[in-house]
Amino acid sequence: MGVTSVSVEDYYSPTAQPSFEDGLPQTTKADKANHGFGMRSMRAIVERYGGTLVARAEDGVFHLDIML
């Protein structure tokens, strides 16, 4: 069995620092009831296969690291 790692980085405006809840970034859309499902879905899939998902933001860069 092998391990797969996925790392993604994306820039954001330092004035728009993402807020996190339960380790996931929260949507900035006004209609929060119908937005923000993507990250939760990714975490659920990763955990279903015994992996980990870590999201963080620092110095104007959003980092997403997945290990499967």
N, C-alpha and C. Protein backbone atom coordinates (compact mmCIF):
# COMPACT_ATOMS: atom_id res chain seq x y z
N MET A 1 0.84 -1.18 0.00
CA MET A 1 0.00 0.00 0.00
C MET A 1 0.88 1.24 0.00
N GLY A 2 0.46 2.24 -0.73
CA GLY A 2 1.22 3.47 -0.82
C GLY A 2 0.50 4.62 -0.16
N VAL A 3 1.17 5.73 -0.17
CA VAL A 3 0.62 6.96 0.39
C VAL A 3 0.60 8.00 -0.71
N THR A 4 -0.48 8.77 -0.76
CA THR A 4 -0.59 9.86 -1.72
C THR A 4 -0.72 11.17 -0.95
N SER A 5 0.01 12.16 -1.40
CA SER A 5 -0.03 13.47 -0.77
C SER A 5 -0.45 14.49 -1.81
N VAL A 6 -1.38 15.37 -1.42
CA VAL A 6 -1.82 16.46 -2.28
C VAL A 6 -1.64 17.75 -1.49
N SER A 7 -0.90 18.69 -2.07
CA SER A 7 -0.70 19.99 -1.43
C SER A 7 -1.07 21.07 -2.43
N VAL A 8 -1.89 22.00 -1.98
CA VAL A 8 -2.34 23.10 -2.83
C VAL A 8 -2.12 24.40 -2.07
N GLU A 9 -1.62 25.40 -2.79
CA GLU A 9 -1.45 26.73 -2.21
C GLU A 9 -2.13 27.74 -3.11
N ASP A 10 -2.73 28.75 -2.50
CA ASP A 10 -3.38 29.80 -3.27
C ASP A 10 -3.25 31.10 -2.48
N TYR A 11 -3.03 32.17 -3.18
CA TYR A 11 -2.89 33.47 -2.53
C TYR A 11 -4.25 34.08 -2.23
N TYR A 12 -4.29 34.87 -1.17
CA TYR A 12 -5.48 35.65 -0.83
C TYR A 12 -5.02 37.02 -0.37
N SER A 13 -5.90 37.98 -0.41
CA SER A 13 -5.56 39.32 0.04
C SER A 13 -5.38 39.30 1.56
N PRO A 14 -4.26 39.79 2.06
CA PRO A 14 -4.04 39.80 3.52
C PRO A 14 -5.14 40.55 4.28
N THR A 15 -5.85 41.43 3.60
CA THR A 15 -6.95 42.14 4.26
C THR A 15 -8.20 41.27 4.37
N ALA A 16 -8.20 40.12 3.69
CA ALA A 16 -9.35 39.21 3.71
C ALA A 16 -8.95 37.89 4.37
N GLN A 17 -8.34 37.97 5.54
CA GLN A 17 -7.88 36.78 6.26
C GLN A 17 -9.04 35.81 6.47
N PRO A 18 -8.92 34.56 5.99
CA PRO A 18 -10.01 33.59 6.16
C PRO A 18 -10.22 33.26 7.64
N SER A 19 -11.47 33.04 7.99
CA SER A 19 -11.77 32.58 9.34
C SER A 19 -11.97 31.07 9.29
N PHE A 20 -11.59 30.39 10.36
CA PHE A 20 -11.66 28.94 10.43
C PHE A 20 -12.57 28.51 11.56
N GLU A 21 -13.27 27.41 11.32
CA GLU A 21 -14.10 26.79 12.35
C GLU A 21 -13.92 25.29 12.22
N ASP A 22 -13.60 24.64 13.32
CA ASP A 22 -13.38 23.19 13.32
C ASP A 22 -12.32 22.79 12.29
N GLY A 23 -11.30 23.65 12.11
CA GLY A 23 -10.21 23.33 11.22
C GLY A 23 -10.44 23.60 9.74
N LEU A 24 -11.62 24.14 9.40
CA LEU A 24 -11.93 24.41 7.99
C LEU A 24 -12.24 25.89 7.79
N PRO A 25 -11.84 26.44 6.63
CA PRO A 25 -12.17 27.83 6.36
C PRO A 25 -13.68 27.99 6.15
N GLN A 26 -14.18 29.12 6.59
CA GLN A 26 -15.61 29.40 6.47
C GLN A 26 -15.89 30.23 5.23
N THR A 27 -17.03 29.99 4.62
CA THR A 27 -17.40 30.73 3.42
C THR A 27 -17.55 32.22 3.72
N THR A 28 -17.25 33.02 2.71
CA THR A 28 -17.44 34.46 2.83
C THR A 28 -18.73 34.90 2.14
N LYS A 29 -19.46 33.93 1.57
CA LYS A 29 -20.72 34.23 0.87
C LYS A 29 -21.78 34.64 1.89
N ALA A 30 -22.66 35.51 1.48
CA ALA A 30 -23.73 35.97 2.37
C ALA A 30 -24.69 34.84 2.71
N ASP A 31 -24.96 33.95 1.75
CA ASP A 31 -25.88 32.84 1.93
C ASP A 31 -25.11 31.62 2.46
N LYS A 32 -24.77 31.64 3.73
CA LYS A 32 -23.94 30.59 4.32
C LYS A 32 -24.62 29.23 4.37
N ALA A 33 -25.94 29.20 4.32
CA ALA A 33 -26.66 27.93 4.36
C ALA A 33 -26.46 27.12 3.09
N ASN A 34 -26.15 27.78 1.98
CA ASN A 34 -26.01 27.08 0.71
C ASN A 34 -24.59 27.16 0.13
N HIS A 35 -23.61 27.52 0.94
CA HIS A 35 -22.23 27.61 0.48
C HIS A 35 -21.31 27.00 1.54
N GLY A 36 -20.12 26.61 1.11
CA GLY A 36 -19.13 26.10 2.04
C GLY A 36 -19.14 24.59 2.22
N PHE A 37 -19.84 23.87 1.34
CA PHE A 37 -19.91 22.42 1.48
C PHE A 37 -18.68 21.71 0.92
N GLY A 38 -17.95 22.35 0.03
CA GLY A 38 -16.83 21.70 -0.65
C GLY A 38 -15.76 21.20 0.30
N MET A 39 -15.33 22.04 1.22
CA MET A 39 -14.28 21.65 2.16
C MET A 39 -14.76 20.55 3.10
N ARG A 40 -15.99 20.64 3.54
CA ARG A 40 -16.52 19.58 4.42
C ARG A 40 -16.63 18.27 3.68
N SER A 41 -17.02 18.33 2.41
CA SER A 41 -17.10 17.12 1.59
C SER A 41 -15.72 16.50 1.38
N MET A 42 -14.73 17.35 1.09
CA MET A 42 -13.37 16.84 0.91
C MET A 42 -12.87 16.17 2.18
N ARG A 43 -13.10 16.80 3.33
CA ARG A 43 -12.64 16.21 4.59
C ARG A 43 -13.35 14.88 4.85
N ALA A 44 -14.64 14.80 4.58
CA ALA A 44 -15.38 13.55 4.80
C ALA A 44 -14.83 12.43 3.92
N ILE A 45 -14.52 12.73 2.68
CA ILE A 45 -13.98 11.71 1.77
C ILE A 45 -12.59 11.27 2.22
N VAL A 46 -11.76 12.25 2.57
CA VAL A 46 -10.40 11.92 3.03
C VAL A 46 -10.45 11.05 4.28
N GLU A 47 -11.29 11.40 5.24
CA GLU A 47 -11.39 10.62 6.47
C GLU A 47 -11.98 9.24 6.22
N ARG A 48 -12.90 9.12 5.25
CA ARG A 48 -13.49 7.83 4.92
C ARG A 48 -12.41 6.83 4.49
N TYR A 49 -11.36 7.34 3.86
CA TYR A 49 -10.27 6.47 3.39
C TYR A 49 -9.07 6.49 4.33
N GLY A 50 -9.28 6.96 5.56
CA GLY A 50 -8.23 6.90 6.58
C GLY A 50 -7.16 7.96 6.44
N GLY A 51 -7.44 9.02 5.71
CA GLY A 51 -6.45 10.07 5.50
C GLY A 51 -6.66 11.26 6.41
N THR A 52 -5.87 12.29 6.14
CA THR A 52 -5.98 13.53 6.91
C THR A 52 -6.04 14.72 5.96
N LEU A 53 -6.72 15.75 6.39
CA LEU A 53 -6.83 17.00 5.65
C LEU A 53 -6.50 18.13 6.63
N VAL A 54 -5.57 18.98 6.24
CA VAL A 54 -5.20 20.13 7.06
C VAL A 54 -5.27 21.38 6.19
N ALA A 55 -6.02 22.37 6.66
CA ALA A 55 -6.13 23.65 5.96
C ALA A 55 -5.61 24.73 6.90
N ARG A 56 -4.85 25.68 6.33
CA ARG A 56 -4.34 26.79 7.13
C ARG A 56 -4.10 27.98 6.22
N ALA A 57 -4.01 29.14 6.82
CA ALA A 57 -3.75 30.37 6.07
C ALA A 57 -2.74 31.19 6.85
N GLU A 58 -1.69 31.61 6.15
CA GLU A 58 -0.70 32.47 6.80
C GLU A 58 0.06 33.28 5.75
N ASP A 59 0.36 34.49 6.12
CA ASP A 59 1.15 35.39 5.26
C ASP A 59 0.58 35.52 3.85
N GLY A 60 -0.74 35.57 3.73
CA GLY A 60 -1.37 35.77 2.43
C GLY A 60 -1.45 34.54 1.56
N VAL A 61 -1.15 33.35 2.13
CA VAL A 61 -1.20 32.11 1.37
C VAL A 61 -2.09 31.11 2.09
N PHE A 62 -3.05 30.55 1.36
CA PHE A 62 -3.91 29.48 1.88
C PHE A 62 -3.25 28.15 1.51
N HIS A 63 -3.12 27.26 2.48
CA HIS A 63 -2.49 25.95 2.27
C HIS A 63 -3.51 24.85 2.56
N LEU A 64 -3.56 23.88 1.67
CA LEU A 64 -4.40 22.70 1.88
C LEU A 64 -3.52 21.48 1.67
N ASP A 65 -3.41 20.63 2.68
CA ASP A 65 -2.58 19.43 2.62
C ASP A 65 -3.45 18.21 2.91
N ILE A 66 -3.40 17.24 2.00
CA ILE A 66 -4.17 16.01 2.13
C ILE A 66 -3.22 14.83 2.04
N MET A 67 -3.37 13.89 2.95
CA MET A 67 -2.61 12.63 2.92
C MET A 67 -3.61 11.48 2.87
N LEU A 68 -3.44 10.62 1.91
CA LEU A 68 -4.29 9.42 1.77
C LEU A 68 -3.41 8.19 1.74
